[in-house]
C-alpha atoms as a PDB file:
ATOM      1  CA  MET A   1      11.904   2.259  26.850  1.00  0.00           C
ATOM      2  CA  ALA A   2      10.896   4.952  29.370  1.00  0.00           C
ATOM      3  CA  HIS A   3       9.496   7.063  26.718  1.00  0.00           C
ATOM      4  CA  ILE A   4       8.025   4.474  24.547  1.00  0.00           C
ATOM      5  CA  GLY A   5       7.411   1.234  26.905  1.00  0.00           C
ATOM      6  CA  GLY A   6       4.417   0.009  28.080  1.00  0.00           C
ATOM      7  CA  THR A   7       1.113  -1.616  26.634  1.00  0.00           C
ATOM      8  CA  TRP A   8      -0.346   1.390  25.137  1.00  0.00           C
ATOM      9  CA  LYS A   9       2.517   3.972  24.181  1.00  0.00           C
ATOM     10  CA  ILE A  10       3.557   2.383  20.849  1.00  0.00           C
ATOM     11  CA  PRO A  11      -0.184   1.922  19.448  1.00  0.00           C
ATOM     12  CA  ILE A  12      -0.846   5.764  20.326  1.00  0.00           C
ATOM     13  CA  LEU A  13       2.354   6.638  18.510  1.00  0.00           C
ATOM     14  CA  VAL A  14       1.760   4.648  15.483  1.00  0.00           C
ATOM     15  CA  SER A  15      -1.900   5.760  15.367  1.00  0.00           C
ATOM     16  CA  LEU A  16      -0.542   9.507  14.988  1.00  0.00           C
ATOM     17  CA  ARG A  17       1.776   8.621  12.587  1.00  0.00           C
ATOM     18  CA  ASP A  18      -0.312   9.958   9.682  1.00  0.00           C
ATOM     19  CA  GLY A  19      -1.196  13.449  11.287  1.00  0.00           C
ATOM     20  CA  ALA A  20      -3.042  14.876  14.096  1.00  0.00           C
ATOM     21  CA  LEU A  21      -6.003  13.044  15.556  1.00  0.00           C
ATOM     22  CA  ARG A  22      -9.003  14.242  17.794  1.00  0.00           C
ATOM     23  CA  TYR A  23      -9.448  12.073  21.031  1.00  0.00           C
ATOM     24  CA  GLY A  24     -12.586  10.049  19.654  1.00  0.00           C
ATOM     25  CA  ASP A  25     -10.502   9.202  16.521  1.00  0.00           C
ATOM     26  CA  LEU A  26      -7.479   8.086  18.411  1.00  0.00           C
ATOM     27  CA  LYS A  27      -9.495   6.000  20.947  1.00  0.00           C
ATOM     28  CA  ASN A  28     -11.388   4.457  17.893  1.00  0.00           C
ATOM     29  CA  ALA A  29      -7.912   3.540  16.279  1.00  0.00           C
ATOM     30  CA  ILE A  30      -6.887   1.663  19.401  1.00  0.00           C
ATOM     31  CA  PRO A  31      -8.998  -1.215  20.121  1.00  0.00           C
ATOM     32  CA  HIS A  32      -9.604  -2.350  23.714  1.00  0.00           C
ATOM     33  CA  ILE A  33      -8.020   0.873  25.395  1.00  0.00           C
ATOM     34  CA  SER A  34     -10.219   2.465  28.086  1.00  0.00           C
ATOM     35  CA  ASP A  35     -10.738   6.316  28.376  1.00  0.00           C
ATOM     36  CA  LYS A  36      -8.767   6.477  31.692  1.00  0.00           C
ATOM     37  CA  MET A  37      -5.937   4.503  29.996  1.00  0.00           C
ATOM     38  CA  LEU A  38      -5.894   6.903  27.061  1.00  0.00           C
ATOM     39  CA  TYR A  39      -5.967   9.796  28.936  1.00  0.00           C
ATOM     40  CA  THR A  40      -3.255   8.629  31.303  1.00  0.00           C
ATOM     41  CA  GLN A  41      -1.005   7.617  28.544  1.00  0.00           C
ATOM     42  CA  LEU A  42      -1.510  10.946  26.416  1.00  0.00           C
ATOM     43  CA  ARG A  43      -0.718  12.885  29.408  1.00  0.00           C
ATOM     44  CA  GLU A  44       2.598  10.712  30.008  1.00  0.00           C
ATOM     45  CA  LEU A  45       3.549  11.427  26.301  1.00  0.00           C
ATOM     46  CA  GLU A  46       2.913  15.267  26.617  1.00  0.00           C
ATOM     47  CA  ASP A  47       5.263  15.147  29.897  1.00  0.00           C
ATOM     48  CA  LYS A  48       7.953  13.213  27.684  1.00  0.00           C
ATOM     49  CA  ASN A  49       7.470  15.782  25.080  1.00  0.00           C
ATOM     50  CA  MET A  50       6.207  12.938  22.678  1.00  0.00           C
ATOM     51  CA  VAL A  51       2.816  14.302  21.823  1.00  0.00           C
ATOM     52  CA  ILE A  52       1.594  17.810  21.424  1.00  0.00           C
ATOM     53  CA  ARG A  53      -2.037  18.580  22.404  1.00  0.00           C
ATOM     54  CA  HIS A  54      -3.475  21.346  20.263  1.00  0.00           C
ATOM     55  CA  THR A  55      -6.993  23.072  21.763  1.00  0.00           C
ATOM     56  CA  PHE A  56      -8.917  24.962  19.476  1.00  0.00           C
ATOM     57  CA  PHE A  57     -11.238  27.281  20.996  1.00  0.00           C
ATOM     58  CA  GLU A  58     -14.375  26.924  19.249  1.00  0.00           C
ATOM     59  CA  LYS A  59     -17.963  25.848  19.721  1.00  0.00           C
ATOM     60  CA  PRO A  60     -17.870  22.864  20.619  1.00  0.00           C
ATOM     61  CA  PRO A  61     -14.118  22.818  21.729  1.00  0.00           C
ATOM     62  CA  ARG A  62     -11.800  20.609  19.906  1.00  0.00           C
ATOM     63  CA  VAL A  63      -8.606  18.993  20.827  1.00  0.00           C
ATOM     64  CA  GLU A  64      -6.114  17.397  18.519  1.00  0.00           C
ATOM     65  CA  TYR A  65      -3.143  15.146  19.235  1.00  0.00           C
ATOM     66  CA  GLN A  66       0.114  15.395  17.151  1.00  0.00           C
ATOM     67  CA  LEU A  67       3.563  13.742  17.406  1.00  0.00           C
ATOM     68  CA  THR A  68       6.504  15.772  17.935  1.00  0.00           C
ATOM     69  CA  GLN A  69       9.680  15.377  16.187  1.00  0.00           C
ATOM     70  CA  LYS A  70      10.985  13.448  19.213  1.00  0.00           C
ATOM     71  CA  ALA A  71       8.278  10.741  18.614  1.00  0.00           C
ATOM     72  CA  GLU A  72       9.043  10.623  14.891  1.00  0.00           C
ATOM     73  CA  LYS A  73      12.308   9.838  15.421  1.00  0.00           C
ATOM     74  CA  ALA A  74      11.216   7.123  17.827  1.00  0.00           C
ATOM     75  CA  LEU A  75       8.805   5.577  15.091  1.00  0.00           C
ATOM     76  CA  LEU A  76      11.936   4.588  13.303  1.00  0.00           C
ATOM     77  CA  ILE A  77      12.855   2.340  16.224  1.00  0.00           C
ATOM     78  CA  ILE A  78       9.251   1.124  16.680  1.00  0.00           C
ATOM     79  CA  ASP A  79       9.370  -0.163  12.916  1.00  0.00           C
ATOM     80  CA  GLN A  80      12.708  -1.981  13.495  1.00  0.00           C
ATOM     81  CA  LEU A  81      11.325  -3.554  16.746  1.00  0.00           C
ATOM     82  CA  THR A  82       8.233  -4.494  14.492  1.00  0.00           C
ATOM     83  CA  GLU A  83      10.420  -5.820  11.728  1.00  0.00           C
ATOM     84  CA  TYR A  84      12.149  -7.932  14.309  1.00  0.00           C
ATOM     85  CA  GLY A  85       9.393  -9.217  15.943  1.00  0.00           C
ATOM     86  CA  ILE A  86       7.847 -10.282  12.563  1.00  0.00           C
ATOM     87  CA  PHE A  87      11.360 -12.084  11.817  1.00  0.00           C
ATOM     88  CA  LEU A  88      11.115 -14.089  15.203  1.00  0.00           C
ATOM     89  CA  MET A  89       7.465 -15.094  14.505  1.00  0.00           C
ATOM     90  CA  GLU A  90       8.039 -16.242  11.376  1.00  0.00           C
ATOM     91  CA  GLU A  91      11.136 -18.168  12.481  1.00  0.00           C
ATOM     92  CA  ILE A  92       9.202 -20.424  14.715  1.00  0.00           C
ATOM     93  CA  GLY A  93       6.150 -20.604  12.148  1.00  0.00           C
ATOM     94  CA  ILE A  94       3.721 -18.135  13.326  1.00  0.00           C
ATOM     95  CA  ASP A  95       1.595 -16.834  10.353  1.00  0.00           C
ATOM     96  CA  THR A  96       2.407 -13.017  10.291  1.00  0.00           C
ATOM     97  CA  THR A  97      -0.172 -12.137   7.536  1.00  0.00           C
ATOM     98  CA  SER A  98      -2.943  -9.978   8.717  1.00  0.00           C
ATOM     99  CA  GLU A  99      -6.479 -10.454   7.565  1.00  0.00           C
ATOM    100  CA  THR A 100      -6.072  -6.983   5.789  1.00  0.00           C
ATOM    101  CA  GLU A 101      -3.294  -8.420   3.681  1.00  0.00           C
ATOM    102  CA  GLN A 102      -4.848 -11.471   2.657  1.00  0.00           C
END
């Protein structure tokens, strides 16, 4: 949990599931995260070898973030936690269908 725990690490990893994203795209994919928090969490994920930061030396400069194999393995666990959370919610009568599924 030290690698994926906290409020923002799992949403960041899930957002990167389908491929590399630029900082702005990542920020747009995660509602309510501040710039400072996103920057901090990305650095922590880099330090834990969960995310790779690619810098492209072009005009204007471009940076993309991508999952490592270590992070891709964590997605399997995140999916299981999600499935279990949905099970628990349904067990107590909470509607788990999102607006996009209706």
